[in-house]
PDB file of N, CA and C in Angstrom:
ATOM      1  N   MET A   1     -17.646   1.674 -33.737  1.00  0.00           N
ATOM      2  CA  MET A   1     -17.611   1.138 -32.407  1.00  0.00           C
ATOM      3  C   MET A   1     -18.027   2.171 -31.359  1.00  0.00           C
ATOM      4  N   TYR A   2     -17.371   3.311 -31.371  1.00  0.00           N
ATOM      5  CA  TYR A   2     -17.671   4.354 -30.388  1.00  0.00           C
ATOM      6  C   TYR A   2     -18.447   5.465 -31.068  1.00  0.00           C
ATOM      7  N   SER A   3     -19.385   6.014 -30.345  1.00  0.00           N
ATOM      8  CA  SER A   3     -20.110   7.161 -30.880  1.00  0.00           C
ATOM      9  C   SER A   3     -19.249   8.410 -30.731  1.00  0.00           C
ATOM     10  N   GLU A   4     -19.624   9.432 -31.469  1.00  0.00           N
ATOM     11  CA  GLU A   4     -18.867  10.683 -31.407  1.00  0.00           C
ATOM     12  C   GLU A   4     -18.892  11.274 -30.011  1.00  0.00           C
ATOM     13  N   ALA A   5     -20.008  11.156 -29.319  1.00  0.00           N
ATOM     14  CA  ALA A   5     -20.125  11.701 -27.958  1.00  0.00           C
ATOM     15  C   ALA A   5     -19.157  11.018 -27.010  1.00  0.00           C
ATOM     16  N   SER A   6     -19.013   9.710 -27.143  1.00  0.00           N
ATOM     17  CA  SER A   6     -18.122   8.996 -26.228  1.00  0.00           C
ATOM     18  C   SER A   6     -16.654   9.288 -26.522  1.00  0.00           C
ATOM     19  N   THR A   7     -16.313   9.615 -27.759  1.00  0.00           N
ATOM     20  CA  THR A   7     -14.919   9.922 -28.066  1.00  0.00           C
ATOM     21  C   THR A   7     -14.542  11.312 -27.576  1.00  0.00           C
ATOM     22  N   ASN A   8     -15.527  12.187 -27.388  1.00  0.00           N
ATOM     23  CA  ASN A   8     -15.247  13.531 -26.890  1.00  0.00           C
ATOM     24  C   ASN A   8     -15.148  13.576 -25.376  1.00  0.00           C
ATOM     25  N   MET A   9     -15.591  12.510 -24.706  1.00  0.00           N
ATOM     26  CA  MET A   9     -15.544  12.475 -23.248  1.00  0.00           C
ATOM     27  C   MET A   9     -14.133  12.219 -22.768  1.00  0.00           C
ATOM     28  N   LYS A  10     -13.820  12.747 -21.616  1.00  0.00           N
ATOM     29  CA  LYS A  10     -12.522  12.505 -20.998  1.00  0.00           C
ATOM     30  C   LYS A  10     -12.539  11.095 -20.411  1.00  0.00           C
ATOM     31  N   VAL A  11     -11.697  10.218 -20.940  1.00  0.00           N
ATOM     32  CA  VAL A  11     -11.723   8.815 -20.543  1.00  0.00           C
ATOM     33  C   VAL A  11     -10.904   8.601 -19.278  1.00  0.00           C
ATOM     34  N   PHE A  12      -9.743   9.203 -19.222  1.00  0.00           N
ATOM     35  CA  PHE A  12      -8.856   8.989 -18.088  1.00  0.00           C
ATOM     36  C   PHE A  12      -8.753  10.277 -17.270  1.00  0.00           C
ATOM     37  N   GLU A  13      -8.630  10.075 -15.976  1.00  0.00           N
ATOM     38  CA  GLU A  13      -8.484  11.211 -15.068  1.00  0.00           C
ATOM     39  C   GLU A  13      -7.076  11.173 -14.499  1.00  0.00           C
ATOM     40  N   ASN A  14      -6.582  12.308 -14.123  1.00  0.00           N
ATOM     41  CA  ASN A  14      -5.267  12.394 -13.503  1.00  0.00           C
ATOM     42  C   ASN A  14      -5.209  11.463 -12.305  1.00  0.00           C
ATOM     43  N   ARG A  15      -4.121  10.695 -12.209  1.00  0.00           N
ATOM     44  CA  ARG A  15      -3.992   9.691 -11.150  1.00  0.00           C
ATOM     45  C   ARG A  15      -4.042  10.307  -9.754  1.00  0.00           C
ATOM     46  N   GLU A  16      -3.387  11.429  -9.567  1.00  0.00           N
ATOM     47  CA  GLU A  16      -3.366  12.069  -8.264  1.00  0.00           C
ATOM     48  C   GLU A  16      -4.747  12.600  -7.880  1.00  0.00           C
ATOM     49  N   ILE A  17      -5.450  13.171  -8.853  1.00  0.00           N
ATOM     50  CA  ILE A  17      -6.808  13.678  -8.590  1.00  0.00           C
ATOM     51  C   ILE A  17      -7.730  12.522  -8.227  1.00  0.00           C
ATOM     52  N   SER A  18      -7.605  11.414  -8.957  1.00  0.00           N
ATOM     53  CA  SER A  18      -8.418  10.238  -8.674  1.00  0.00           C
ATOM     54  C   SER A  18      -8.137   9.723  -7.267  1.00  0.00           C
ATOM     55  N   TRP A  19      -6.867   9.696  -6.883  1.00  0.00           N
ATOM     56  CA  TRP A  19      -6.461   9.235  -5.552  1.00  0.00           C
ATOM     57  C   TRP A  19      -7.068  10.122  -4.467  1.00  0.00           C
ATOM     58  N   LEU A  20      -7.027  11.440  -4.683  1.00  0.00           N
ATOM     59  CA  LEU A  20      -7.582  12.371  -3.698  1.00  0.00           C
ATOM     60  C   LEU A  20      -9.114  12.260  -3.606  1.00  0.00           C
ATOM     61  N   LYS A  21      -9.764  12.028  -4.735  1.00  0.00           N
ATOM     62  CA  LYS A  21     -11.220  11.850  -4.722  1.00  0.00           C
ATOM     63  C   LYS A  21     -11.608  10.581  -3.970  1.00  0.00           C
ATOM     64  N   PHE A  22     -10.821   9.519  -4.151  1.00  0.00           N
ATOM     65  CA  PHE A  22     -11.067   8.288  -3.403  1.00  0.00           C
ATOM     66  C   PHE A  22     -10.946   8.554  -1.904  1.00  0.00           C
ATOM     67  N   ASN A  23      -9.894   9.264  -1.514  1.00  0.00           N
ATOM     68  CA  ASN A  23      -9.682   9.563  -0.106  1.00  0.00           C
ATOM     69  C   ASN A  23     -10.791  10.453   0.451  1.00  0.00           C
ATOM     70  N   GLU A  24     -11.335  11.326  -0.381  1.00  0.00           N
ATOM     71  CA  GLU A  24     -12.460  12.134   0.048  1.00  0.00           C
ATOM     72  C   GLU A  24     -13.669  11.247   0.346  1.00  0.00           C
ATOM     73  N   ARG A  25     -13.898  10.237  -0.492  1.00  0.00           N
ATOM     74  CA  ARG A  25     -15.014   9.328  -0.255  1.00  0.00           C
ATOM     75  C   ARG A  25     -14.813   8.537   1.026  1.00  0.00           C
ATOM     76  N   VAL A  26     -13.561   8.129   1.297  1.00  0.00           N
ATOM     77  CA  VAL A  26     -13.263   7.397   2.540  1.00  0.00           C
ATOM     78  C   VAL A  26     -13.518   8.305   3.741  1.00  0.00           C
ATOM     79  N   LEU A  27     -13.069   9.549   3.666  1.00  0.00           N
ATOM     80  CA  LEU A  27     -13.295  10.497   4.753  1.00  0.00           C
ATOM     81  C   LEU A  27     -14.787  10.741   4.973  1.00  0.00           C
ATOM     82  N   ASN A  28     -15.530  10.909   3.882  1.00  0.00           N
ATOM     83  CA  ASN A  28     -16.979  11.118   4.016  1.00  0.00           C
ATOM     84  C   ASN A  28     -17.659   9.925   4.662  1.00  0.00           C
ATOM     85  N   GLN A  29     -17.180   8.732   4.364  1.00  0.00           N
ATOM     86  CA  GLN A  29     -17.743   7.535   5.008  1.00  0.00           C
ATOM     87  C   GLN A  29     -17.481   7.560   6.500  1.00  0.00           C
ATOM     88  N   SER A  30     -16.331   8.048   6.902  1.00  0.00           N
ATOM     89  CA  SER A  30     -16.006   8.107   8.326  1.00  0.00           C
ATOM     90  C   SER A  30     -16.830   9.166   9.064  1.00  0.00           C
ATOM     91  N   LEU A  31     -17.357  10.132   8.326  1.00  0.00           N
ATOM     92  CA  LEU A  31     -18.158  11.191   8.944  1.00  0.00           C
ATOM     93  C   LEU A  31     -19.656  10.873   8.956  1.00  0.00           C
ATOM     94  N   ASP A  32     -20.025   9.788   8.298  1.00  0.00           N
ATOM     95  CA  ASP A  32     -21.430   9.381   8.220  1.00  0.00           C
ATOM     96  C   ASP A  32     -21.889   8.818   9.558  1.00  0.00           C
ATOM     97  N   LEU A  33     -22.842   9.486  10.189  1.00  0.00           N
ATOM     98  CA  LEU A  33     -23.293   9.067  11.516  1.00  0.00           C
ATOM     99  C   LEU A  33     -24.051   7.743  11.484  1.00  0.00           C
ATOM    100  N   LYS A  34     -24.486   7.295  10.308  1.00  0.00           N
ATOM    101  CA  LYS A  34     -25.166   6.007  10.198  1.00  0.00           C
ATOM    102  C   LYS A  34     -24.181   4.842  10.258  1.00  0.00           C
ATOM    103  N   THR A  35     -22.902   5.130  10.055  1.00  0.00           N
ATOM    104  CA  THR A  35     -21.864   4.102  10.111  1.00  0.00           C
ATOM    105  C   THR A  35     -21.497   3.850  11.572  1.00  0.00           C
ATOM    106  N   PRO A  36     -21.373   2.594  11.980  1.00  0.00           N
ATOM    107  CA  PRO A  36     -20.989   2.279  13.367  1.00  0.00           C
ATOM    108  C   PRO A  36     -19.660   2.933  13.729  1.00  0.00           C
ATOM    109  N   LEU A  37     -19.515   3.287  14.987  1.00  0.00           N
ATOM    110  CA  LEU A  37     -18.358   4.038  15.461  1.00  0.00           C
ATOM    111  C   LEU A  37     -17.029   3.348  15.135  1.00  0.00           C
ATOM    112  N   LEU A  38     -16.918   2.064  15.388  1.00  0.00           N
ATOM    113  CA  LEU A  38     -15.660   1.357  15.106  1.00  0.00           C
ATOM    114  C   LEU A  38     -15.324   1.403  13.615  1.00  0.00           C
ATOM    115  N   GLU A  39     -16.329   1.264  12.776  1.00  0.00           N
ATOM    116  CA  GLU A  39     -16.104   1.353  11.338  1.00  0.00           C
ATOM    117  C   GLU A  39     -15.651   2.770  10.951  1.00  0.00           C
ATOM    118  N   ARG A  40     -16.234   3.767  11.588  1.00  0.00           N
ATOM    119  CA  ARG A  40     -15.835   5.145  11.314  1.00  0.00           C
ATOM    120  C   ARG A  40     -14.373   5.367  11.678  1.00  0.00           C
ATOM    121  N   LEU A  41     -13.948   4.802  12.804  1.00  0.00           N
ATOM    122  CA  LEU A  41     -12.538   4.909  13.200  1.00  0.00           C
ATOM    123  C   LEU A  41     -11.628   4.214  12.206  1.00  0.00           C
ATOM    124  N   LYS A  42     -12.067   3.068  11.698  1.00  0.00           N
ATOM    125  CA  LYS A  42     -11.277   2.360  10.689  1.00  0.00           C
ATOM    126  C   LYS A  42     -11.147   3.191   9.417  1.00  0.00           C
ATOM    127  N   PHE A  43     -12.245   3.824   8.999  1.00  0.00           N
ATOM    128  CA  PHE A  43     -12.175   4.686   7.810  1.00  0.00           C
ATOM    129  C   PHE A  43     -11.249   5.868   8.037  1.00  0.00           C
ATOM    130  N   LEU A  44     -11.269   6.448   9.241  1.00  0.00           N
ATOM    131  CA  LEU A  44     -10.342   7.549   9.541  1.00  0.00           C
ATOM    132  C   LEU A  44      -8.901   7.076   9.499  1.00  0.00           C
ATOM    133  N   SER A  45      -8.649   5.880   9.992  1.00  0.00           N
ATOM    134  CA  SER A  45      -7.303   5.316   9.953  1.00  0.00           C
ATOM    135  C   SER A  45      -6.834   5.102   8.522  1.00  0.00           C
ATOM    136  N   ILE A  46      -7.723   4.575   7.688  1.00  0.00           N
ATOM    137  CA  ILE A  46      -7.398   4.353   6.268  1.00  0.00           C
ATOM    138  C   ILE A  46      -7.108   5.698   5.607  1.00  0.00           C
ATOM    139  N   TYR A  47      -7.948   6.683   5.885  1.00  0.00           N
ATOM    140  CA  TYR A  47      -7.769   8.014   5.314  1.00  0.00           C
ATOM    141  C   TYR A  47      -6.417   8.608   5.696  1.00  0.00           C
ATOM    142  N   GLY A  48      -6.075   8.521   6.979  1.00  0.00           N
ATOM    143  CA  GLY A  48      -4.794   9.065   7.444  1.00  0.00           C
ATOM    144  C   GLY A  48      -3.616   8.362   6.823  1.00  0.00           C
ATOM    145  N   SER A  49      -3.692   7.049   6.726  1.00  0.00           N
ATOM    146  CA  SER A  49      -2.622   6.263   6.128  1.00  0.00           C
ATOM    147  C   SER A  49      -2.465   6.601   4.639  1.00  0.00           C
ATOM    148  N   ASN A  50      -3.586   6.699   3.942  1.00  0.00           N
ATOM    149  CA  ASN A  50      -3.539   7.027   2.514  1.00  0.00           C
ATOM    150  C   ASN A  50      -2.994   8.417   2.267  1.00  0.00           C
ATOM    151  N   LEU A  51      -3.410   9.369   3.100  1.00  0.00           N
ATOM    152  CA  LEU A  51      -2.922  10.737   2.937  1.00  0.00           C
ATOM    153  C   LEU A  51      -1.420  10.829   3.200  1.00  0.00           C
ATOM    154  N   ASP A  52      -0.958  10.111   4.212  1.00  0.00           N
ATOM    155  CA  ASP A  52       0.473  10.061   4.505  1.00  0.00           C
ATOM    156  C   ASP A  52       1.241   9.493   3.322  1.00  0.00           C
ATOM    157  N   GLU A  53       0.743   8.387   2.773  1.00  0.00           N
ATOM    158  CA  GLU A  53       1.396   7.782   1.615  1.00  0.00           C
ATOM    159  C   GLU A  53       1.377   8.718   0.406  1.00  0.00           C
ATOM    160  N   PHE A  54       0.264   9.412   0.216  1.00  0.00           N
ATOM    161  CA  PHE A  54       0.155  10.343  -0.895  1.00  0.00           C
ATOM    162  C   PHE A  54       1.248  11.401  -0.832  1.00  0.00           C
ATOM    163  N   PHE A  55       1.456  11.982   0.345  1.00  0.00           N
ATOM    164  CA  PHE A  55       2.483  13.034   0.465  1.00  0.00           C
ATOM    165  C   PHE A  55       3.888  12.472   0.401  1.00  0.00           C
ATOM    166  N   ARG A  56       4.103  11.279   0.948  1.00  0.00           N
ATOM    167  CA  ARG A  56       5.448  10.691   0.891  1.00  0.00           C
ATOM    168  C   ARG A  56       5.812  10.277  -0.526  1.00  0.00           C
ATOM    169  N   VAL A  57       4.896   9.667  -1.245  1.00  0.00           N
ATOM    170  CA  VAL A  57       5.210   9.088  -2.544  1.00  0.00           C
ATOM    171  C   VAL A  57       4.894  10.045  -3.684  1.00  0.00           C
ATOM    172  N   ARG A  58       3.659  10.439  -3.807  1.00  0.00           N
ATOM    173  CA  ARG A  58       3.216  11.212  -4.975  1.00  0.00           C
ATOM    174  C   ARG A  58       3.748  12.640  -4.963  1.00  0.00           C
ATOM    175  N   VAL A  59       3.574  13.327  -3.847  1.00  0.00           N
ATOM    176  CA  VAL A  59       4.065  14.697  -3.783  1.00  0.00           C
ATOM    177  C   VAL A  59       5.591  14.714  -3.810  1.00  0.00           C
ATOM    178  N   GLY A  60       6.198  13.738  -3.156  1.00  0.00           N
ATOM    179  CA  GLY A  60       7.656  13.628  -3.207  1.00  0.00           C
ATOM    180  C   GLY A  60       8.170  13.436  -4.623  1.00  0.00           C
ATOM    181  N   ALA A  61       7.474  12.613  -5.396  1.00  0.00           N
ATOM    182  CA  ALA A  61       7.875  12.385  -6.796  1.00  0.00           C
ATOM    183  C   ALA A  61       7.709  13.667  -7.621  1.00  0.00           C
ATOM    184  N   LEU A  62       6.641  14.401  -7.352  1.00  0.00           N
ATOM    185  CA  LEU A  62       6.436  15.662  -8.067  1.00  0.00           C
ATOM    186  C   LEU A  62       7.512  16.682  -7.713  1.00  0.00           C
ATOM    187  N   LEU A  63       7.919  16.716  -6.453  1.00  0.00           N
ATOM    188  CA  LEU A  63       8.997  17.625  -6.047  1.00  0.00           C
ATOM    189  C   LEU A  63      10.309  17.225  -6.702  1.00  0.00           C
ATOM    190  N   ASP A  64      10.609  15.926  -6.726  1.00  0.00           N
ATOM    191  CA  ASP A  64      11.829  15.454  -7.383  1.00  0.00           C
ATOM    192  C   ASP A  64      11.814  15.821  -8.860  1.00  0.00           C
ATOM    193  N   GLN A  65      10.664  15.656  -9.486  1.00  0.00           N
ATOM    194  CA  GLN A  65      10.521  15.955 -10.907  1.00  0.00           C
ATOM    195  C   GLN A  65      10.726  17.454 -11.163  1.00  0.00           C
ATOM    196  N   SER A  66      10.214  18.288 -10.265  1.00  0.00           N
ATOM    197  CA  SER A  66      10.371  19.733 -10.457  1.00  0.00           C
ATOM    198  C   SER A  66      11.827  20.158 -10.265  1.00  0.00           C
ATOM    199  N   LEU A  67      12.569  19.436  -9.422  1.00  0.00           N
ATOM    200  CA  LEU A  67      13.987  19.767  -9.229  1.00  0.00           C
ATOM    201  C   LEU A  67      14.815  19.406 -10.447  1.00  0.00           C
ATOM    202  N   LEU A  68      14.377  18.417 -11.213  1.00  0.00           N
ATOM    203  CA  LEU A  68      15.105  18.012 -12.413  1.00  0.00           C
ATOM    204  C   LEU A  68      14.895  18.976 -13.571  1.00  0.00           C
ATOM    205  N   GLU A  69      13.818  19.734 -13.525  1.00  0.00           N
ATOM    206  CA  GLU A  69      13.514  20.648 -14.642  1.00  0.00           C
ATOM    207  C   GLU A  69      14.225  21.951 -14.542  1.00  0.00           C
TER     208      GLU A  69
END
């Protein structure tokens, strides 16, 4: 079914890294001068909201996990 090359590839990426890469793409979209100004502001708002959630939920969970160890 799968070739040897495909089995050696990394299939899954760390969830937090994937989340940060997505937010980077959203931020880059907000910096694109070809995007209308209102859309750029919306992308900045999404980026800020996502980053806030990332630190509240994901980083908070990592801190809690480190305290348990």
